[in-house]
N, C-alpha and C. Protein backbone atom coordinates (compact mmCIF):
# COMPACT_ATOMS: atom_id res chain seq x y z
N MET A 1 129.10 -0.06 98.90
CA MET A 1 130.04 -0.69 98.05
C MET A 1 131.44 -1.02 98.72
N LYS A 2 131.42 0.31 99.65
CA LYS A 2 132.91 0.25 100.03
C LYS A 2 132.72 -0.84 101.14
N LYS A 3 131.88 -0.96 101.98
CA LYS A 3 131.64 -2.22 102.86
C LYS A 3 131.97 -3.57 102.29
N LEU A 4 131.40 -3.66 101.04
CA LEU A 4 131.43 -5.11 100.36
C LEU A 4 132.71 -5.23 99.81
N SER A 5 133.41 -4.26 99.29
CA SER A 5 135.00 -4.12 98.96
C SER A 5 135.95 -4.79 100.35
N LYS A 6 135.55 -4.33 101.41
CA LYS A 6 136.27 -4.57 102.52
C LYS A 6 135.90 -5.59 103.11
N LEU A 7 134.71 -6.43 102.86
CA LEU A 7 134.23 -7.65 103.59
C LEU A 7 134.89 -8.49 102.43
N ILE A 8 135.06 -8.29 101.21
CA ILE A 8 135.93 -9.27 100.35
C ILE A 8 137.39 -9.28 100.61
N GLY A 9 137.87 -8.11 100.65
CA GLY A 9 139.38 -8.05 101.37
C GLY A 9 139.49 -8.81 102.38
N VAL A 10 138.81 -8.86 103.42
CA VAL A 10 138.88 -9.55 104.87
C VAL A 10 138.79 -11.01 104.48
N ALA A 11 137.77 -11.40 103.65
CA ALA A 11 137.43 -12.98 103.23
C ALA A 11 139.01 -13.58 102.48
N PHE A 12 139.45 -12.68 101.73
CA PHE A 12 140.77 -13.20 100.99
C PHE A 12 142.00 -13.36 101.84
N LEU A 13 141.81 -12.19 102.97
CA LEU A 13 143.00 -12.22 103.84
C LEU A 13 143.00 -13.47 104.67
N ALA A 14 141.79 -13.81 105.02
CA ALA A 14 141.70 -14.87 105.85
C ALA A 14 142.07 -16.28 105.22
N ALA A 15 141.58 -16.02 103.84
CA ALA A 15 141.91 -17.41 102.82
C ALA A 15 143.56 -17.44 102.77
N ILE A 16 144.19 -16.19 102.67
CA ILE A 16 145.96 -16.46 102.80
C ILE A 16 146.16 -16.99 103.96
N LEU A 17 145.62 -16.45 105.18
CA LEU A 17 146.16 -17.00 106.43
C LEU A 17 146.14 -18.41 106.62
N PHE A 18 144.88 -19.00 106.34
CA PHE A 18 144.42 -20.40 106.38
C PHE A 18 145.62 -20.99 105.37
N PHE A 19 145.75 -20.76 104.01
CA PHE A 19 146.49 -21.33 103.14
C PHE A 19 148.10 -21.45 103.86
N ALA A 20 148.27 -20.55 104.44
CA ALA A 20 149.68 -20.37 104.95
C ALA A 20 149.97 -21.31 106.19
N THR A 21 148.71 -21.57 107.03
CA THR A 21 149.00 -22.61 108.14
C THR A 21 148.73 -23.80 107.99
N ASP A 22 148.20 -24.32 106.72
CA ASP A 22 147.75 -25.78 106.58
C ASP A 22 148.14 -26.09 105.13
N VAL A 23 149.22 -26.40 104.75
CA VAL A 23 149.47 -26.34 103.23
C VAL A 23 149.78 -27.71 102.90
N LYS A 24 148.87 -28.72 103.61
CA LYS A 24 149.01 -30.21 103.12
C LYS A 24 148.35 -30.41 101.83
N ALA A 25 148.80 -31.27 100.82
CA ALA A 25 148.17 -31.58 99.83
C ALA A 25 146.56 -32.06 99.92
N GLN A 26 145.77 -31.33 99.19
CA GLN A 26 144.31 -31.93 99.47
C GLN A 26 143.92 -32.73 98.39
N THR A 27 143.30 -33.84 98.46
CA THR A 27 142.34 -34.58 97.13
C THR A 27 141.10 -35.12 98.06
N THR A 28 140.40 -35.47 97.57
CA THR A 28 139.11 -36.06 97.93
C THR A 28 139.44 -37.39 98.58
N PRO A 29 139.10 -37.69 99.68
CA PRO A 29 139.44 -39.06 100.01
C PRO A 29 138.44 -40.20 99.11
N ALA A 30 139.15 -41.09 98.46
CA ALA A 30 138.20 -42.15 97.83
C ALA A 30 137.21 -42.84 98.76
N LYS A 31 135.82 -42.87 98.36
CA LYS A 31 134.99 -43.88 98.89
C LYS A 31 134.84 -43.30 100.59
N ALA A 32 134.75 -41.82 100.68
CA ALA A 32 134.52 -41.31 102.05
C ALA A 32 133.92 -40.15 101.94
N PHE A 33 132.64 -39.82 102.67
CA PHE A 33 131.76 -38.40 102.70
C PHE A 33 132.72 -37.50 103.54
N VAL A 34 132.52 -36.40 103.04
CA VAL A 34 132.62 -35.21 103.62
C VAL A 34 131.56 -34.13 103.66
N LEU A 35 131.40 -33.62 105.05
CA LEU A 35 130.29 -32.35 105.02
C LEU A 35 130.92 -30.99 105.32
N SER A 36 130.58 -30.21 104.29
CA SER A 36 131.02 -28.57 104.94
C SER A 36 130.04 -28.02 104.97
N LEU A 37 130.12 -26.94 105.60
CA LEU A 37 129.24 -25.78 106.02
C LEU A 37 129.94 -24.27 105.82
N GLY A 38 129.19 -23.78 104.92
CA GLY A 38 130.00 -22.42 104.42
C GLY A 38 128.97 -21.24 104.32
N VAL A 39 129.67 -20.14 104.18
CA VAL A 39 129.19 -18.83 104.61
C VAL A 39 129.61 -18.28 103.10
N GLU A 40 128.80 -17.74 102.36
CA GLU A 40 128.83 -16.88 101.09
C GLU A 40 128.46 -15.67 100.94
N SER A 41 129.33 -14.99 100.29
CA SER A 41 129.06 -13.41 99.91
C SER A 41 129.00 -13.12 98.46
N GLY A 42 128.27 -12.73 98.14
CA GLY A 42 127.76 -12.42 96.45
C GLY A 42 127.66 -10.95 95.88
N LEU A 43 127.76 -10.79 94.57
CA LEU A 43 127.36 -9.71 94.24
C LEU A 43 126.36 -10.10 92.86
N PRO A 44 124.94 -9.69 93.19
CA PRO A 44 123.76 -9.89 92.01
C PRO A 44 124.43 -9.72 90.74
N THR A 45 123.78 -10.19 89.32
CA THR A 45 123.94 -9.95 88.26
C THR A 45 122.62 -9.98 87.58
N GLY A 46 122.65 -9.22 86.33
CA GLY A 46 120.95 -9.57 85.60
C GLY A 46 120.09 -8.61 86.37
N VAL A 47 118.66 -9.15 86.05
CA VAL A 47 117.91 -8.47 86.94
C VAL A 47 118.14 -8.37 88.23
N ALA A 48 118.66 -9.15 88.93
CA ALA A 48 118.77 -8.89 90.34
C ALA A 48 119.52 -7.75 90.70
N LYS A 49 120.17 -7.15 89.85
CA LYS A 49 120.99 -6.13 90.14
C LYS A 49 120.00 -4.84 90.19
N LEU A 50 118.96 -4.61 89.68
CA LEU A 50 118.12 -3.67 89.85
C LEU A 50 117.41 -3.22 91.21
N GLY A 51 117.47 -4.52 92.14
CA GLY A 51 116.85 -3.96 93.18
C GLY A 51 117.56 -4.55 94.51
N THR A 52 119.18 -4.79 94.23
CA THR A 52 119.78 -5.22 95.34
C THR A 52 121.46 -5.06 94.75
N ASN A 53 122.38 -4.87 95.73
CA ASN A 53 123.62 -4.91 95.55
C ASN A 53 124.24 -5.86 96.19
N PHE A 54 124.01 -6.81 97.11
CA PHE A 54 124.69 -7.82 97.82
C PHE A 54 124.00 -8.84 98.46
N SER A 55 124.41 -10.10 98.35
CA SER A 55 123.72 -11.26 98.79
C SER A 55 124.84 -11.93 99.80
N LEU A 56 124.13 -12.54 100.74
CA LEU A 56 124.69 -13.12 101.67
C LEU A 56 123.76 -14.49 102.44
N GLY A 57 124.77 -15.48 102.24
CA GLY A 57 123.86 -16.88 102.47
C GLY A 57 124.87 -18.02 103.10
N GLY A 58 123.99 -19.22 103.26
CA GLY A 58 125.16 -20.41 103.80
C GLY A 58 124.46 -21.44 103.18
N THR A 59 125.56 -22.62 103.14
CA THR A 59 125.17 -23.81 102.58
C THR A 59 125.93 -24.67 103.04
N ALA A 60 125.05 -25.86 102.85
CA ALA A 60 125.73 -27.36 103.16
C ALA A 60 125.99 -28.07 101.99
N ARG A 61 127.52 -28.53 102.22
CA ARG A 61 127.67 -29.60 100.86
C ARG A 61 128.14 -30.82 101.53
N LEU A 62 127.43 -31.86 100.92
CA LEU A 62 127.93 -33.28 101.32
C LEU A 62 128.65 -33.75 99.87
N GLN A 63 129.87 -34.31 100.23
CA GLN A 63 130.78 -34.71 99.08
C GLN A 63 131.13 -36.04 99.39
N TYR A 64 130.86 -36.75 98.19
CA TYR A 64 131.53 -38.39 98.19
C TYR A 64 132.48 -38.32 97.20
N GLY A 65 133.59 -39.08 97.81
CA GLY A 65 135.00 -39.23 97.02
C GLY A 65 134.80 -40.27 95.99
N VAL A 66 134.68 -40.05 94.80
CA VAL A 66 134.87 -41.43 93.84
C VAL A 66 136.05 -42.02 93.59
N THR A 67 137.05 -40.98 93.40
CA THR A 67 138.28 -41.31 93.57
C THR A 67 139.21 -40.22 94.33
N ASN A 68 140.47 -40.41 94.52
CA ASN A 68 141.10 -39.23 95.11
C ASN A 68 140.93 -37.90 94.98
N ASP A 69 140.77 -37.73 93.33
CA ASP A 69 140.67 -36.26 92.88
C ASP A 69 139.22 -36.02 92.47
N LEU A 70 138.20 -36.90 92.42
CA LEU A 70 137.00 -36.54 91.68
C LEU A 70 135.83 -36.96 93.07
N ALA A 71 134.88 -36.08 93.20
CA ALA A 71 134.06 -36.20 93.93
C ALA A 71 132.78 -35.61 93.51
N ILE A 72 131.54 -36.44 94.00
CA ILE A 72 130.20 -35.93 93.62
C ILE A 72 129.73 -35.20 94.91
N THR A 73 129.04 -33.97 94.35
CA THR A 73 128.50 -32.88 95.48
C THR A 73 126.95 -32.81 95.47
N PHE A 74 126.66 -32.52 96.56
CA PHE A 74 125.42 -32.39 96.79
C PHE A 74 125.02 -31.35 97.88
N THR A 75 124.64 -29.88 97.16
CA THR A 75 124.60 -28.49 97.97
C THR A 75 123.19 -28.05 98.55
N ALA A 76 122.73 -27.51 99.31
CA ALA A 76 121.60 -27.23 99.62
C ALA A 76 122.05 -25.99 100.89
N GLY A 77 121.18 -24.68 100.62
CA GLY A 77 121.35 -23.63 101.34
C GLY A 77 120.19 -22.70 100.93
N GLY A 78 120.78 -21.35 101.35
CA GLY A 78 120.18 -19.84 100.91
C GLY A 78 121.03 -18.85 101.00
N TYR A 79 120.65 -18.14 99.66
CA TYR A 79 120.95 -16.70 99.82
C TYR A 79 119.85 -15.55 99.88
N HIS A 80 120.23 -14.48 100.70
CA HIS A 80 119.34 -13.63 100.97
C HIS A 80 119.82 -12.45 100.20
N PHE A 81 119.08 -11.57 99.31
CA PHE A 81 119.35 -10.48 98.61
C PHE A 81 118.75 -9.27 99.37
N PHE A 82 119.53 -8.33 99.91
CA PHE A 82 119.44 -7.17 100.39
C PHE A 82 119.26 -6.34 99.82
N PRO A 83 117.99 -5.63 100.00
CA PRO A 83 117.17 -4.59 99.20
C PRO A 83 118.00 -3.11 98.97
N LYS A 84 118.03 -2.51 97.63
CA LYS A 84 118.54 -1.27 97.59
C LYS A 84 117.07 -0.38 97.86
N LYS A 85 117.56 0.91 98.25
CA LYS A 85 116.65 1.91 98.40
C LYS A 85 116.19 2.39 97.01
N ILE A 86 114.56 2.45 96.97
CA ILE A 86 114.15 2.86 95.59
C ILE A 86 114.39 4.48 95.34
N PRO A 87 115.19 4.88 93.98
CA PRO A 87 115.81 6.14 93.96
C PRO A 87 114.32 7.00 94.20
N GLY A 88 114.73 8.53 94.79
CA GLY A 88 113.58 9.43 94.81
C GLY A 88 112.50 9.05 95.92
N GLN A 89 112.69 7.60 96.90
CA GLN A 89 111.42 7.50 97.41
C GLN A 89 112.30 6.86 98.75
N ASP A 90 111.52 7.26 100.05
CA ASP A 90 111.97 6.63 101.18
C ASP A 90 111.83 5.14 101.55
N ARG A 91 111.64 4.38 100.83
CA ARG A 91 111.38 3.06 101.05
C ARG A 91 112.19 2.31 100.09
N ARG A 92 112.47 0.95 100.42
CA ARG A 92 113.52 0.12 99.75
C ARG A 92 112.73 -1.06 98.56
N TYR A 93 113.46 -1.28 98.02
CA TYR A 93 112.74 -2.63 96.92
C TYR A 93 112.26 -3.75 97.91
N GLN A 94 111.56 -4.70 97.67
CA GLN A 94 111.43 -5.91 98.46
C GLN A 94 112.67 -6.75 98.68
N SER A 95 112.95 -7.49 99.77
CA SER A 95 113.96 -8.14 99.68
C SER A 95 113.66 -9.95 99.59
N TYR A 96 114.43 -10.76 98.96
CA TYR A 96 113.81 -12.00 98.68
C TYR A 96 115.30 -12.58 98.91
N GLY A 97 114.93 -13.98 98.77
CA GLY A 97 116.18 -15.15 98.85
C GLY A 97 116.06 -16.28 97.92
N GLU A 98 117.01 -17.00 97.52
CA GLU A 98 116.76 -18.17 96.84
C GLU A 98 117.40 -19.29 97.39
N LEU A 99 116.70 -20.34 97.48
CA LEU A 99 117.03 -21.63 98.29
C LEU A 99 117.46 -22.53 97.33
N PRO A 100 119.01 -22.63 97.03
CA PRO A 100 119.17 -23.91 96.22
C PRO A 100 119.48 -25.22 96.54
N ILE A 101 119.24 -26.01 95.74
CA ILE A 101 119.22 -27.50 96.15
C ILE A 101 120.17 -28.19 94.71
N LYS A 102 121.14 -28.31 94.64
CA LYS A 102 122.06 -28.88 93.53
C LYS A 102 122.82 -30.05 93.73
N ALA A 103 123.04 -30.59 92.58
CA ALA A 103 124.19 -31.98 92.51
C ALA A 103 125.00 -31.50 91.24
N GLY A 104 126.31 -32.04 91.54
CA GLY A 104 127.42 -32.06 90.71
C GLY A 104 128.66 -32.57 90.90
N VAL A 105 129.91 -32.19 90.25
CA VAL A 105 131.06 -32.95 90.58
C VAL A 105 131.95 -31.56 90.70
N LYS A 106 133.50 -32.34 91.41
CA LYS A 106 134.46 -31.39 91.57
C LYS A 106 135.49 -32.40 91.49
N GLU A 107 136.66 -31.63 90.77
CA GLU A 107 137.91 -32.46 90.13
C GLU A 107 138.90 -31.62 90.40
N PHE A 108 139.89 -32.35 91.36
CA PHE A 108 141.03 -31.68 91.86
C PHE A 108 141.68 -31.87 90.48
N PHE A 109 142.26 -30.77 89.87
CA PHE A 109 143.26 -30.90 88.66
C PHE A 109 144.75 -30.72 89.14
N LEU A 110 145.15 -29.90 90.30
CA LEU A 110 146.29 -29.55 90.88
C LEU A 110 146.25 -29.88 92.34
N PRO A 111 147.27 -30.33 93.10
CA PRO A 111 146.84 -30.12 94.76
C PRO A 111 146.17 -29.14 95.20
N ASN A 112 145.32 -29.13 95.75
CA ASN A 112 144.36 -28.39 96.27
C ASN A 112 143.68 -27.49 95.69
N ILE A 113 143.84 -27.58 94.10
CA ILE A 113 142.79 -26.35 93.38
C ILE A 113 141.91 -27.66 92.53
N TYR A 114 140.47 -26.87 92.72
CA TYR A 114 139.73 -27.70 92.15
C TYR A 114 138.90 -26.94 91.12
N VAL A 115 138.25 -27.71 90.17
CA VAL A 115 137.18 -26.92 89.15
C VAL A 115 136.08 -28.01 89.30
N GLY A 116 134.78 -27.12 89.37
CA GLY A 116 133.58 -28.02 89.63
C GLY A 116 132.58 -27.60 88.81
N GLY A 117 131.37 -28.09 88.81
CA GLY A 117 130.06 -27.42 88.34
C GLY A 117 128.86 -28.32 88.87
N GLU A 118 127.76 -27.21 89.29
CA GLU A 118 126.28 -28.05 89.79
C GLU A 118 125.50 -27.40 89.00
N ILE A 119 124.13 -28.41 88.93
CA ILE A 119 123.24 -28.15 88.38
C ILE A 119 122.01 -28.31 89.44
N GLY A 120 120.86 -27.69 89.58
CA GLY A 120 119.74 -28.15 90.32
C GLY A 120 118.69 -26.91 90.36
N VAL A 121 117.98 -26.84 91.24
CA VAL A 121 116.76 -25.95 91.13
C VAL A 121 116.68 -24.97 92.25
N ALA A 122 116.44 -23.83 91.80
CA ALA A 122 116.43 -22.68 93.42
C ALA A 122 115.19 -22.30 93.47
N PHE A 123 114.77 -22.13 94.64
CA PHE A 123 113.24 -21.79 95.08
C PHE A 123 113.30 -20.06 95.48
N GLU A 124 112.60 -19.26 94.79
CA GLU A 124 112.75 -17.90 95.33
C GLU A 124 111.71 -17.73 96.51
N LYS A 125 112.20 -17.23 97.29
CA LYS A 125 111.08 -16.71 98.56
C LYS A 125 110.96 -15.40 98.73
N LEU A 126 110.12 -14.97 98.58
CA LEU A 126 109.55 -13.55 98.87
C LEU A 126 109.43 -12.96 100.17
N GLU A 127 109.14 -11.78 100.46
CA GLU A 127 108.90 -10.99 101.71
C GLU A 127 107.62 -11.84 102.27
N GLY A 128 107.36 -12.12 103.40
CA GLY A 128 106.19 -12.44 103.62
C GLY A 128 105.89 -14.08 103.51
N PRO A 129 104.65 -14.46 103.29
CA PRO A 129 104.36 -15.76 103.11
C PRO A 129 104.41 -16.14 101.80
N ASP A 130 104.63 -15.32 100.99
CA ASP A 130 104.68 -15.35 99.19
C ASP A 130 105.90 -16.24 98.75
N TRP A 131 105.86 -16.95 97.69
CA TRP A 131 107.07 -17.78 96.83
C TRP A 131 107.05 -17.37 95.75
N GLY A 132 108.07 -17.27 94.99
CA GLY A 132 108.39 -16.78 93.85
C GLY A 132 108.47 -18.01 92.99
N PRO A 133 108.97 -17.93 91.61
CA PRO A 133 108.93 -18.88 90.96
C PRO A 133 110.47 -20.05 91.01
N HIS A 134 109.96 -21.16 90.57
CA HIS A 134 111.70 -21.89 91.22
C HIS A 134 112.40 -21.77 89.70
N ARG A 135 113.64 -21.65 89.95
CA ARG A 135 114.63 -21.54 88.66
C ARG A 135 115.39 -22.74 88.57
N LEU A 136 116.15 -22.81 87.28
CA LEU A 136 117.20 -23.80 86.83
C LEU A 136 118.38 -22.77 87.11
N ASP A 137 119.13 -23.68 88.25
CA ASP A 137 120.27 -23.16 88.81
C ASP A 137 121.58 -23.94 88.04
N LEU A 138 122.56 -23.12 87.50
CA LEU A 138 123.87 -23.60 86.89
C LEU A 138 124.88 -23.09 87.34
N SER A 139 125.75 -23.92 88.18
CA SER A 139 126.68 -23.02 88.73
C SER A 139 128.19 -23.77 88.71
N PRO A 140 129.01 -23.21 87.80
CA PRO A 140 130.35 -23.52 87.75
C PRO A 140 131.28 -22.83 88.88
N ASN A 141 132.22 -23.75 89.30
CA ASN A 141 133.08 -23.21 90.37
C ASN A 141 134.58 -23.59 90.29
N LEU A 142 135.32 -22.69 90.79
CA LEU A 142 136.74 -22.73 91.00
C LEU A 142 137.10 -22.67 92.56
N GLY A 143 138.00 -23.31 92.92
CA GLY A 143 138.42 -23.41 94.38
C GLY A 143 139.64 -23.88 94.98
N TYR A 144 139.98 -23.65 96.12
CA TYR A 144 141.13 -24.09 96.83
C TYR A 144 140.64 -24.79 98.49
N ALA A 145 141.30 -25.78 98.35
CA ALA A 145 140.67 -26.85 99.31
C ALA A 145 141.97 -27.35 100.10
N THR A 146 141.93 -27.28 101.80
CA THR A 146 142.68 -27.97 102.48
C THR A 146 142.06 -29.28 103.22
N LYS A 147 142.57 -29.86 103.93
CA LYS A 147 142.21 -30.86 104.42
C LYS A 147 140.38 -30.56 105.23
N HIS A 148 140.29 -29.24 105.75
CA HIS A 148 139.26 -28.90 106.54
C HIS A 148 138.48 -27.65 105.90
N TRP A 149 139.46 -26.64 105.17
CA TRP A 149 138.87 -25.33 104.73
C TRP A 149 138.73 -25.49 103.23
N ASP A 150 137.82 -24.94 102.85
CA ASP A 150 137.31 -24.72 101.16
C ASP A 150 137.03 -23.12 101.11
N PHE A 151 137.73 -22.67 99.91
CA PHE A 151 137.49 -21.40 99.44
C PHE A 151 137.29 -21.54 98.00
N GLY A 152 136.06 -21.31 97.67
CA GLY A 152 135.60 -21.30 96.18
C GLY A 152 134.93 -20.15 95.58
N LEU A 153 135.05 -19.79 94.61
CA LEU A 153 134.65 -18.95 93.81
C LEU A 153 133.42 -19.67 92.71
N HIS A 154 132.24 -19.15 92.75
CA HIS A 154 131.16 -19.42 91.79
C HIS A 154 130.41 -18.54 91.37
N TYR A 155 129.69 -19.13 90.12
CA TYR A 155 128.63 -18.25 89.44
C TYR A 155 127.36 -18.90 89.66
N ASP A 156 126.46 -18.49 90.04
CA ASP A 156 124.91 -19.46 90.03
C ASP A 156 123.95 -18.48 89.06
N TYR A 157 124.14 -19.26 87.90
CA TYR A 157 123.25 -18.77 86.98
C TYR A 157 121.74 -19.30 87.14
N LEU A 158 120.76 -18.31 87.66
CA LEU A 158 119.42 -18.86 87.73
C LEU A 158 118.26 -18.21 86.47
N THR A 159 117.36 -19.12 86.34
CA THR A 159 116.96 -18.75 84.88
C THR A 159 115.43 -19.41 85.10
N HIS A 160 114.66 -18.62 84.77
CA HIS A 160 113.18 -19.13 84.70
C HIS A 160 112.30 -18.18 83.49
N LYS A 161 111.86 -19.04 82.19
CA LYS A 161 111.29 -18.50 81.43
C LYS A 161 112.25 -17.14 80.82
N GLU A 162 111.94 -16.01 80.88
CA GLU A 162 112.65 -14.70 80.35
C GLU A 162 113.39 -14.34 81.44
N ASP A 163 113.23 -14.85 82.74
CA ASP A 163 113.67 -14.01 83.75
C ASP A 163 115.18 -14.52 84.06
N HIS A 164 116.11 -14.10 84.11
CA HIS A 164 117.51 -14.15 84.30
C HIS A 164 118.34 -13.54 85.51
N LEU A 165 118.80 -14.29 86.37
CA LEU A 165 119.84 -13.83 87.10
C LEU A 165 120.87 -14.37 87.73
N GLY A 166 121.93 -13.64 88.49
CA GLY A 166 123.09 -14.69 88.90
C GLY A 166 123.56 -14.08 90.01
N ILE A 167 124.52 -14.70 90.60
CA ILE A 167 125.21 -14.29 91.90
C ILE A 167 126.78 -14.63 91.54
N PHE A 168 127.72 -13.83 91.48
CA PHE A 168 129.07 -13.97 91.47
C PHE A 168 129.43 -14.13 93.21
N ALA A 169 129.83 -15.10 93.55
CA ALA A 169 130.17 -15.53 95.10
C ALA A 169 131.22 -16.12 95.38
N LEU A 170 131.82 -15.69 96.55
CA LEU A 170 133.07 -16.60 97.41
C LEU A 170 132.09 -17.23 98.29
N ARG A 171 132.74 -18.51 98.50
CA ARG A 171 132.03 -19.51 99.51
C ARG A 171 133.32 -20.13 100.40
N VAL A 172 133.60 -19.58 101.64
CA VAL A 172 134.31 -19.74 102.70
C VAL A 172 133.82 -21.10 103.66
N ALA A 173 134.33 -22.43 103.82
CA ALA A 173 133.38 -23.51 104.33
C ALA A 173 134.44 -24.35 105.06
N TYR A 174 134.05 -24.62 106.21
CA TYR A 174 134.60 -25.67 107.08
C TYR A 174 134.21 -26.88 106.89
N GLY A 175 135.10 -27.91 106.34
CA GLY A 175 134.46 -29.49 106.36
C GLY A 175 135.08 -30.40 107.26
N PHE A 176 134.45 -31.42 107.47
CA PHE A 176 134.79 -32.46 108.19
C PHE A 176 134.50 -34.04 107.63
N GLY A 177 135.14 -34.89 108.07
CA GLY A 177 134.86 -36.29 107.51
C GLY A 177 133.42 -36.97 108.13
N LEU A 178 132.72 -37.91 107.53
CA LEU A 178 131.56 -38.23 108.28
C LEU A 178 131.83 -39.79 108.43
C-alpha cells in the first residue's frame, strides 16, 4: 500500500508540474478530433478488493468536439488487476483484466476543468485462455486538461447480474489532434 501511495503522490506531483508549465485555457476544439493515450492507476472496490489491491492499465480515447466546450468520447483499453497473496497459503489469487469499450460525453464547465460520463461494456479476461463475463461499465469522471495533457479521476462501476465491482482510478494522458 505504501508503494501505491507513493505512485499516486508522484502522479499528482507530475500533474502539478504540467499545470504550471502549460496554463493555456483548454476547451475542446469544435469539429475536431483529438486522440489521447493514457496510463491509468486504480484502486479496486466491491468484490474485486477480495483478490486484488491495485490495478494498472492503458486506454486510448478518441474525442470529437461538438462545440468548444462539449465533446463526444470513445474510449477503449485494458486494466490489469494484480493479485493478492491468499492468507495462510504460498500462492496468490488468480490475476485478471477488464477490457472496456465505452462512449460518452465530456463538458468543460470552467476553463481546463471538465466533468464527463461514459457507458459501455467491459470484457473480463482471466488467466490463460479463459474469458469471464462481460459487464455493464458506467464511468463518471472529473478532470483537468490542457492542450495536450489530460489528468482525470474516474470511477468505473462494472456490473453483471449479482457481481458488482469497481475501480477508482487516475488517468494521465497525452493527446494530439488528428
